[in-house]
C-alpha atoms as a PDB file:
ATOM      1  CA  MET A   1      25.531 288.122  88.568  1.00  0.00           C
ATOM      2  CA  GLU A   2      26.699 284.648  89.541  1.00  0.00           C
ATOM      3  CA  LEU A   3      30.434 284.185  90.093  1.00  0.00           C
ATOM      4  CA  GLU A   4      32.860 281.895  91.868  1.00  0.00           C
ATOM      5  CA  VAL A   5      35.117 282.927  94.750  1.00  0.00           C
ATOM      6  CA  ARG A   6      38.783 281.989  94.527  1.00  0.00           C
ATOM      7  CA  VAL A   7      40.983 282.264  97.607  1.00  0.00           C
ATOM      8  CA  VAL A   8      44.462 283.332  96.495  1.00  0.00           C
ATOM      9  CA  GLY A   9      47.823 284.342  97.873  1.00  0.00           C
ATOM     10  CA  GLY A  10      49.657 287.509  96.968  1.00  0.00           C
ATOM     11  CA  ILE A  11      46.863 289.965  97.786  1.00  0.00           C
ATOM     12  CA  GLU A  12      47.931 292.156 100.698  1.00  0.00           C
ATOM     13  CA  SER A  13      44.715 293.998 101.476  1.00  0.00           C
ATOM     14  CA  CYS A  14      41.076 293.345 102.325  1.00  0.00           C
ATOM     15  CA  PHE A  15      39.996 294.579  98.893  1.00  0.00           C
ATOM     16  CA  VAL A  16      38.941 291.903  96.426  1.00  0.00           C
ATOM     17  CA  SER A  17      39.750 291.649  92.733  1.00  0.00           C
ATOM     18  CA  LEU A  18      36.906 291.286  90.238  1.00  0.00           C
ATOM     19  CA  PRO A  19      36.801 289.663  86.790  1.00  0.00           C
ATOM     20  CA  LEU A  20      36.945 292.110  83.910  1.00  0.00           C
ATOM     21  CA  SER A  21      33.516 291.073  82.633  1.00  0.00           C
ATOM     22  CA  PHE A  22      31.901 292.016  85.943  1.00  0.00           C
ATOM     23  CA  ILE A  23      33.818 295.303  86.093  1.00  0.00           C
ATOM     24  CA  GLN A  24      32.452 296.171  82.654  1.00  0.00           C
ATOM     25  CA  THR A  25      28.949 295.330  83.857  1.00  0.00           C
ATOM     26  CA  LEU A  26      29.396 297.629  86.855  1.00  0.00           C
ATOM     27  CA  GLN A  27      30.676 300.427  84.635  1.00  0.00           C
ATOM     28  CA  SER A  28      27.681 300.171  82.333  1.00  0.00           C
ATOM     29  CA  THR A  29      25.309 300.108  85.301  1.00  0.00           C
ATOM     30  CA  HIS A  30      26.921 303.200  86.816  1.00  0.00           C
ATOM     31  CA  ILE A  31      27.136 304.978  83.435  1.00  0.00           C
ATOM     32  CA  GLY A  32      30.916 304.791  83.455  1.00  0.00           C
ATOM     33  CA  PHE A  33      31.323 306.230  86.949  1.00  0.00           C
ATOM     34  CA  LEU A  34      32.354 304.016  89.845  1.00  0.00           C
ATOM     35  CA  PRO A  35      33.195 305.196  93.376  1.00  0.00           C
ATOM     36  CA  PRO A  36      36.793 304.801  94.628  1.00  0.00           C
ATOM     37  CA  VAL A  37      35.570 302.047  96.951  1.00  0.00           C
ATOM     38  CA  LEU A  38      32.575 299.928  96.034  1.00  0.00           C
ATOM     39  CA  ALA A  39      30.856 297.741  98.616  1.00  0.00           C
ATOM     40  CA  LEU A  40      29.741 294.328  97.416  1.00  0.00           C
ATOM     41  CA  GLU A  41      27.280 291.849  98.856  1.00  0.00           C
ATOM     42  CA  ILE A  42      27.937 288.232  97.951  1.00  0.00           C
ATOM     43  CA  ARG A  43      25.586 285.421  98.902  1.00  0.00           C
ATOM     44  CA  SER A  44      26.274 281.702  98.712  1.00  0.00           C
ATOM     45  CA  ARG A  45      23.994 279.973  96.236  1.00  0.00           C
ATOM     46  CA  ARG A  46      24.097 276.791  98.322  1.00  0.00           C
ATOM     47  CA  THR A  47      23.720 278.000 101.918  1.00  0.00           C
ATOM     48  CA  GLY A  48      22.446 281.563 101.555  1.00  0.00           C
ATOM     49  CA  GLU A  49      25.256 282.855 103.789  1.00  0.00           C
ATOM     50  CA  CYS A  50      26.127 286.479 103.109  1.00  0.00           C
ATOM     51  CA  TRP A  51      29.426 288.380 103.161  1.00  0.00           C
ATOM     52  CA  HIS A  52      30.194 292.050 102.573  1.00  0.00           C
ATOM     53  CA  LEU A  53      33.384 292.866 100.691  1.00  0.00           C
ATOM     54  CA  ALA A  54      35.038 295.944  99.221  1.00  0.00           C
ATOM     55  CA  TRP A  55      36.514 296.553  95.770  1.00  0.00           C
ATOM     56  CA  SER A  56      38.787 299.445  94.787  1.00  0.00           C
ATOM     57  CA  GLY A  57      39.433 298.809  91.099  1.00  0.00           C
ATOM     58  CA  SER A  58      41.647 295.724  90.898  1.00  0.00           C
ATOM     59  CA  ALA A  59      40.992 293.178  88.133  1.00  0.00           C
ATOM     60  CA  SER A  60      41.388 289.474  88.846  1.00  0.00           C
ATOM     61  CA  ARG A  61      43.591 287.139  86.806  1.00  0.00           C
ATOM     62  CA  SER A  62      40.740 284.654  86.511  1.00  0.00           C
ATOM     63  CA  PRO A  63      36.989 284.788  85.793  1.00  0.00           C
ATOM     64  CA  ALA A  64      36.356 284.678  89.554  1.00  0.00           C
ATOM     65  CA  ILE A  65      36.278 287.010  92.546  1.00  0.00           C
ATOM     66  CA  GLU A  66      39.746 286.773  94.063  1.00  0.00           C
ATOM     67  CA  VAL A  67      40.008 287.142  97.846  1.00  0.00           C
ATOM     68  CA  ALA A  68      43.171 287.200  99.961  1.00  0.00           C
ATOM     69  CA  GLN A  69      43.688 283.921 101.783  1.00  0.00           C
ATOM     70  CA  GLN A  70      44.052 285.630 105.175  1.00  0.00           C
ATOM     71  CA  LEU A  71      40.815 287.582 104.716  1.00  0.00           C
ATOM     72  CA  ALA A  72      38.927 284.478 103.604  1.00  0.00           C
ATOM     73  CA  GLU A  73      40.089 282.692 106.756  1.00  0.00           C
ATOM     74  CA  CYS A  74      38.988 285.601 108.968  1.00  0.00           C
ATOM     75  CA  ILE A  75      35.480 285.768 107.512  1.00  0.00           C
ATOM     76  CA  SER A  76      35.087 282.004 106.919  1.00  0.00           C
ATOM     77  CA  LEU A  77      34.654 282.324 103.159  1.00  0.00           C
ATOM     78  CA  PRO A  78      35.433 278.949 101.513  1.00  0.00           C
ATOM     79  CA  ASP A  79      37.396 278.654  98.292  1.00  0.00           C
ATOM     80  CA  ARG A  80      35.333 277.981  95.144  1.00  0.00           C
ATOM     81  CA  THR A  81      32.110 279.180  96.760  1.00  0.00           C
ATOM     82  CA  GLU A  82      29.531 279.970  94.083  1.00  0.00           C
ATOM     83  CA  VAL A  83      27.870 283.264  94.903  1.00  0.00           C
ATOM     84  CA  GLN A  84      25.343 285.786  93.715  1.00  0.00           C
ATOM     85  CA  VAL A  85      26.994 289.214  93.607  1.00  0.00           C
ATOM     86  CA  LYS A  86      25.504 292.682  93.748  1.00  0.00           C
ATOM     87  CA  ALA A  87      26.741 296.154  94.563  1.00  0.00           C
ATOM     88  CA  ALA A  88      25.641 297.377  98.001  1.00  0.00           C
ATOM     89  CA  ALA A  89      24.570 300.983  97.611  1.00  0.00           C
ATOM     90  CA  ASN A  90      24.092 303.770 100.158  1.00  0.00           C
ATOM     91  CA  LEU A  91      25.958 302.219 103.070  1.00  0.00           C
ATOM     92  CA  PRO A  92      26.238 304.512 106.106  1.00  0.00           C
ATOM     93  CA  LYS A  93      29.532 306.232 106.845  1.00  0.00           C
ATOM     94  CA  ALA A  94      31.463 305.197 109.933  1.00  0.00           C
ATOM     95  CA  THR A  95      32.651 308.131 112.032  1.00  0.00           C
ATOM     96  CA  LEU A  96      34.210 306.085 114.847  1.00  0.00           C
ATOM     97  CA  VAL A  97      35.512 302.535 114.757  1.00  0.00           C
ATOM     98  CA  MET A  98      36.832 300.668 117.807  1.00  0.00           C
ATOM     99  CA  ILE A  99      38.984 297.619 117.105  1.00  0.00           C
ATOM    100  CA  GLU A 100      41.142 295.267 119.136  1.00  0.00           C
ATOM    101  CA  PRO A 101      43.964 292.868 118.260  1.00  0.00           C
ATOM    102  CA  SER A 102      42.742 289.281 118.017  1.00  0.00           C
ATOM    103  CA  THR A 103      45.538 287.706 120.092  1.00  0.00           C
ATOM    104  CA  GLU A 104      48.322 288.640 122.479  1.00  0.00           C
ATOM    105  CA  ASP A 105      50.860 288.138 119.697  1.00  0.00           C
ATOM    106  CA  ASP A 106      48.914 290.543 117.492  1.00  0.00           C
ATOM    107  CA  TRP A 107      48.896 293.094 120.308  1.00  0.00           C
ATOM    108  CA  GLU A 108      52.657 292.835 120.806  1.00  0.00           C
ATOM    109  CA  ILE A 109      53.286 293.387 117.097  1.00  0.00           C
ATOM    110  CA  LEU A 110      50.875 296.321 117.137  1.00  0.00           C
ATOM    111  CA  GLU A 111      52.695 298.009 120.024  1.00  0.00           C
ATOM    112  CA  LEU A 112      55.854 298.072 117.901  1.00  0.00           C
ATOM    113  CA  ASN A 113      54.060 299.312 114.784  1.00  0.00           C
ATOM    114  CA  SER A 114      51.146 301.439 116.019  1.00  0.00           C
ATOM    115  CA  GLU A 115      51.539 304.365 113.601  1.00  0.00           C
ATOM    116  CA  LEU A 116      52.148 302.088 110.637  1.00  0.00           C
ATOM    117  CA  ALA A 117      49.117 299.984 111.565  1.00  0.00           C
ATOM    118  CA  GLU A 118      46.725 302.930 111.647  1.00  0.00           C
ATOM    119  CA  GLU A 119      47.937 304.105 108.250  1.00  0.00           C
ATOM    120  CA  ALA A 120      47.706 300.567 106.863  1.00  0.00           C
ATOM    121  CA  ILE A 121      44.126 300.103 108.075  1.00  0.00           C
ATOM    122  CA  LEU A 122      42.967 303.173 106.180  1.00  0.00           C
ATOM    123  CA  LYS A 123      44.616 301.854 103.017  1.00  0.00           C
ATOM    124  CA  GLN A 124      43.770 298.162 103.280  1.00  0.00           C
ATOM    125  CA  VAL A 125      40.244 298.025 104.731  1.00  0.00           C
ATOM    126  CA  GLY A 126      37.195 299.256 102.877  1.00  0.00           C
ATOM    127  CA  ILE A 127      34.199 298.015 104.840  1.00  0.00           C
ATOM    128  CA  VAL A 128      33.564 297.239 108.508  1.00  0.00           C
ATOM    129  CA  HIS A 129      30.833 296.035 110.844  1.00  0.00           C
ATOM    130  CA  GLU A 130      30.674 294.961 114.478  1.00  0.00           C
ATOM    131  CA  GLY A 131      32.175 291.535 115.015  1.00  0.00           C
ATOM    132  CA  LEU A 132      34.207 291.592 111.801  1.00  0.00           C
ATOM    133  CA  LYS A 133      37.643 289.956 111.899  1.00  0.00           C
ATOM    134  CA  PHE A 134      40.118 291.247 109.358  1.00  0.00           C
ATOM    135  CA  PRO A 135      43.839 290.867 108.613  1.00  0.00           C
ATOM    136  CA  LEU A 136      46.323 293.702 108.294  1.00  0.00           C
ATOM    137  CA  TRP A 137      49.606 293.489 106.413  1.00  0.00           C
ATOM    138  CA  LEU A 138      52.648 295.286 107.836  1.00  0.00           C
ATOM    139  CA  HIS A 139      56.028 295.580 106.113  1.00  0.00           C
ATOM    140  CA  GLY A 140      54.693 293.389 103.310  1.00  0.00           C
ATOM    141  CA  HIS A 141      55.040 290.117 105.223  1.00  0.00           C
ATOM    142  CA  THR A 142      53.793 290.484 108.813  1.00  0.00           C
ATOM    143  CA  VAL A 143      50.060 289.872 109.219  1.00  0.00           C
ATOM    144  CA  ILE A 144      48.078 290.724 112.335  1.00  0.00           C
ATOM    145  CA  VAL A 145      44.362 290.197 112.891  1.00  0.00           C
ATOM    146  CA  PHE A 146      41.895 292.694 114.354  1.00  0.00           C
ATOM    147  CA  CYS A 147      38.302 292.405 115.562  1.00  0.00           C
ATOM    148  CA  VAL A 148      35.831 295.270 115.222  1.00  0.00           C
ATOM    149  CA  VAL A 149      34.440 295.908 118.709  1.00  0.00           C
ATOM    150  CA  SER A 150      32.026 298.697 117.827  1.00  0.00           C
ATOM    151  CA  THR A 151      31.175 301.237 115.168  1.00  0.00           C
ATOM    152  CA  SER A 152      29.474 304.595 115.289  1.00  0.00           C
ATOM    153  CA  PRO A 153      26.769 305.624 114.637  1.00  0.00           C
ATOM    154  CA  ARG A 154      25.269 302.569 116.345  1.00  0.00           C
ATOM    155  CA  LYS A 155      21.515 303.253 116.399  1.00  0.00           C
ATOM    156  CA  LEU A 156      20.764 301.747 113.025  1.00  0.00           C
ATOM    157  CA  PRO A 157      18.035 299.201 112.243  1.00  0.00           C
ATOM    158  CA  LEU A 158      19.164 295.672 111.443  1.00  0.00           C
ATOM    159  CA  PRO A 159      18.398 294.478 107.920  1.00  0.00           C
ATOM    160  CA  PRO A 160      15.788 291.725 107.482  1.00  0.00           C
ATOM    161  CA  ASN A 161      18.419 288.970 107.716  1.00  0.00           C
ATOM    162  CA  GLY A 162      19.442 290.206 111.174  1.00  0.00           C
ATOM    163  CA  GLN A 163      23.114 290.526 110.269  1.00  0.00           C
ATOM    164  CA  PRO A 164      25.153 293.572 111.372  1.00  0.00           C
ATOM    165  CA  LEU A 165      24.773 296.484 108.990  1.00  0.00           C
ATOM    166  CA  PRO A 166      28.122 297.191 107.328  1.00  0.00           C
ATOM    167  CA  PHE A 167      29.664 300.618 107.033  1.00  0.00           C
ATOM    168  CA  SER A 168      31.300 301.889 103.894  1.00  0.00           C
ATOM    169  CA  ALA A 169      34.981 302.667 103.427  1.00  0.00           C
ATOM    170  CA  LEU A 170      36.923 303.947 106.411  1.00  0.00           C
ATOM    171  CA  ASN A 171      39.324 306.313 104.660  1.00  0.00           C
ATOM    172  CA  ASP A 172      38.232 309.945 105.093  1.00  0.00           C
ATOM    173  CA  SER A 173      34.815 309.049 106.510  1.00  0.00           C
ATOM    174  CA  ALA A 174      36.212 307.717 109.790  1.00  0.00           C
ATOM    175  CA  LYS A 175      37.105 310.685 111.949  1.00  0.00           C
ATOM    176  CA  SER A 176      38.489 308.461 114.707  1.00  0.00           C
ATOM    177  CA  MET A 177      39.738 304.921 115.193  1.00  0.00           C
ATOM    178  CA  ASP A 178      40.369 303.574 118.679  1.00  0.00           C
ATOM    179  CA  ILE A 179      42.365 300.417 119.343  1.00  0.00           C
ATOM    180  CA  ALA A 180      41.272 298.636 122.507  1.00  0.00           C
ATOM    181  CA  PRO A 181      43.569 296.196 124.321  1.00  0.00           C
ATOM    182  CA  THR A 182      42.488 292.586 124.622  1.00  0.00           C
ATOM    183  CA  SER A 183      41.075 291.753 128.046  1.00  0.00           C
ATOM    184  CA  SER A 184      44.001 289.503 128.975  1.00  0.00           C
ATOM    185  CA  HIS A 185      46.526 292.111 127.871  1.00  0.00           C
ATOM    186  CA  LEU A 186      44.717 294.758 129.897  1.00  0.00           C
ATOM    187  CA  ALA A 187      44.710 292.502 132.963  1.00  0.00           C
ATOM    188  CA  GLU A 188      48.415 291.759 132.553  1.00  0.00           C
ATOM    189  CA  LYS A 189      49.220 295.441 132.139  1.00  0.00           C
ATOM    190  CA  THR A 190      47.182 296.331 135.221  1.00  0.00           C
ATOM    191  CA  TYR A 191      48.977 293.642 137.246  1.00  0.00           C
ATOM    192  CA  HIS A 192      52.400 294.942 136.252  1.00  0.00           C
ATOM    193  CA  ASP A 193      51.341 298.523 137.007  1.00  0.00           C
ATOM    194  CA  ILE A 194      50.334 297.455 140.520  1.00  0.00           C
ATOM    195  CA  VAL A 195      53.622 295.612 141.064  1.00  0.00           C
ATOM    196  CA  ASP A 196      55.639 298.550 139.749  1.00  0.00           C
ATOM    197  CA  ASN A 197      53.781 300.982 141.986  1.00  0.00           C
ATOM    198  CA  LYS A 198      54.426 298.776 145.021  1.00  0.00           C
ATOM    199  CA  ASN A 199      58.107 298.518 144.167  1.00  0.00           C
ATOM    200  CA  GLU A 200      58.370 302.283 143.786  1.00  0.00           C
ATOM    201  CA  GLY A 201      56.877 302.708 147.233  1.00  0.00           C
ATOM    202  CA  THR A 202      59.262 300.219 148.868  1.00  0.00           C
ATOM    203  CA  THR A 203      62.271 301.638 150.685  1.00  0.00           C
ATOM    204  CA  THR A 204      65.431 299.808 151.671  1.00  0.00           C
END
């Protein structure tokens, strides 16, 4: 089905909203049964560029696919892009996902909200692949950005277009999620550890 993408504010998750007409089409295709999280493949009619998105039941207020502004910025999905949409079936399940904060500021916010962030990821993110950037909403107003460093299992063939193969919803399928520090943060932390150790060994 051909639809338009609308980038909107007010959505605080990486799940998209779909027009009611398309939801009804999906329901008829799946004989009334739809999974809790449905992976979607959308492809630009003009450029052929492809994005993978996730839907968890929300209906849009317009006849378009509605995507959170922060997510659209992360995945470089322009507003009013005309796309061909189809459900992506039989995606592999991720058992381990390694992510890292996109910036030092994101890392500092994460350190203060680590438990909340892990819980939020499982609720707000439905599909991942290596190299994906995605936003995360904390406390309803704070947004931090993560990058997917790696996913497991990894030994999977690339599709014909050569793009990373996405994994279906995290939720219960991901047994583990590791958060790696950014390289600059790790270097800074190591430096301070060295200084602290030297100071501890200094006598007066």
